[in-house]
Amino acid sequence: MRDRGLRTFIALLAGLAVIYFGATGHRSNGGEGSGVSGGVVLVALLVAGLVWYLIRPGPAK
C-alpha cells in the first residue's frame, strides 16, 4: 500500500507542475486571461495518468 500512496503523490505533483507552468506561461500578456485554460487541465490529467502508469511496480519475484 505504501507504493500506491507514493505513486499518487508523484502523479499529483506532476499534474500540479503542469498546471503551474501552464498558468505562469500566459502571464506575459497582462491581467486578462491569466487563468488556467481547459487545455492545460486536460494536459495535466494526461501527464498525471502517464506518470501513474510509468512508475507502477514491477511483477513480484
Protein backbone atom coordinates (compact mmCIF):
# COMPACT_ATOMS: atom_id res chain seq x y z
CA MET A 1 0.00 0.00 0.00
CA ARG A 2 2.90 2.36 0.58
CA ASP A 3 3.83 2.20 -3.11
CA ARG A 4 0.36 3.27 -4.17
CA GLY A 5 0.49 6.33 -1.92
CA LEU A 6 3.87 7.33 -3.28
CA ARG A 7 2.67 6.84 -6.86
CA THR A 8 -0.36 9.02 -6.15
CA PHE A 9 1.79 11.73 -4.59
CA ILE A 10 4.23 11.82 -7.51
CA ALA A 11 1.41 11.80 -10.08
CA LEU A 12 -0.31 14.70 -8.30
CA LEU A 13 2.96 16.65 -8.19
CA ALA A 14 3.43 16.13 -11.93
CA GLY A 15 -0.12 17.32 -12.65
CA LEU A 16 0.27 20.36 -10.42
CA ALA A 17 3.59 21.21 -12.09
CA VAL A 18 1.88 21.23 -15.49
CA ILE A 19 -0.89 23.48 -14.16
CA TYR A 20 1.63 25.82 -12.52
CA PHE A 21 3.84 26.20 -15.57
CA GLY A 22 0.81 26.39 -17.86
CA ALA A 23 -0.68 29.21 -15.82
CA THR A 24 2.54 31.20 -15.40
CA GLY A 25 3.36 30.95 -19.09
CA HIS A 26 0.36 33.12 -20.02
CA ARG A 27 1.06 35.99 -17.64
CA SER A 28 3.13 37.97 -20.11
CA ASN A 29 0.01 39.42 -21.81
CA GLY A 30 -1.22 41.37 -18.79
CA GLY A 31 -4.08 40.78 -16.40
CA GLU A 32 -6.60 39.46 -18.88
CA GLY A 33 -6.69 35.71 -19.48
CA SER A 34 -4.31 34.84 -16.67
CA GLY A 35 -6.34 31.82 -15.52
CA VAL A 36 -5.87 28.15 -16.25
CA SER A 37 -7.45 27.03 -19.51
CA GLY A 38 -9.25 23.76 -20.04
CA GLY A 39 -6.46 22.55 -22.29
CA VAL A 40 -3.90 22.96 -19.53
CA VAL A 41 -6.10 20.98 -17.14
CA LEU A 42 -6.52 18.24 -19.74
CA VAL A 43 -2.77 18.04 -20.32
CA ALA A 44 -2.21 17.95 -16.55
CA LEU A 45 -4.59 15.00 -16.22
CA LEU A 46 -2.88 13.19 -19.09
CA VAL A 47 0.56 13.78 -17.57
CA ALA A 48 -0.60 12.59 -14.14
CA GLY A 49 -2.05 9.43 -15.69
CA LEU A 50 1.12 8.81 -17.68
CA VAL A 51 3.29 9.23 -14.58
CA TRP A 52 0.97 6.90 -12.63
CA TYR A 53 1.35 4.29 -15.39
CA LEU A 54 5.10 4.63 -15.87
CA ILE A 55 6.09 4.30 -12.22
CA ARG A 56 3.97 1.25 -11.46
CA PRO A 57 5.72 -1.51 -9.56
CA GLY A 58 7.14 -4.42 -11.50
CA PRO A 59 5.95 -8.02 -11.15
CA ALA A 60 6.63 -9.77 -7.85
CA LYS A 61 9.60 -12.09 -7.91
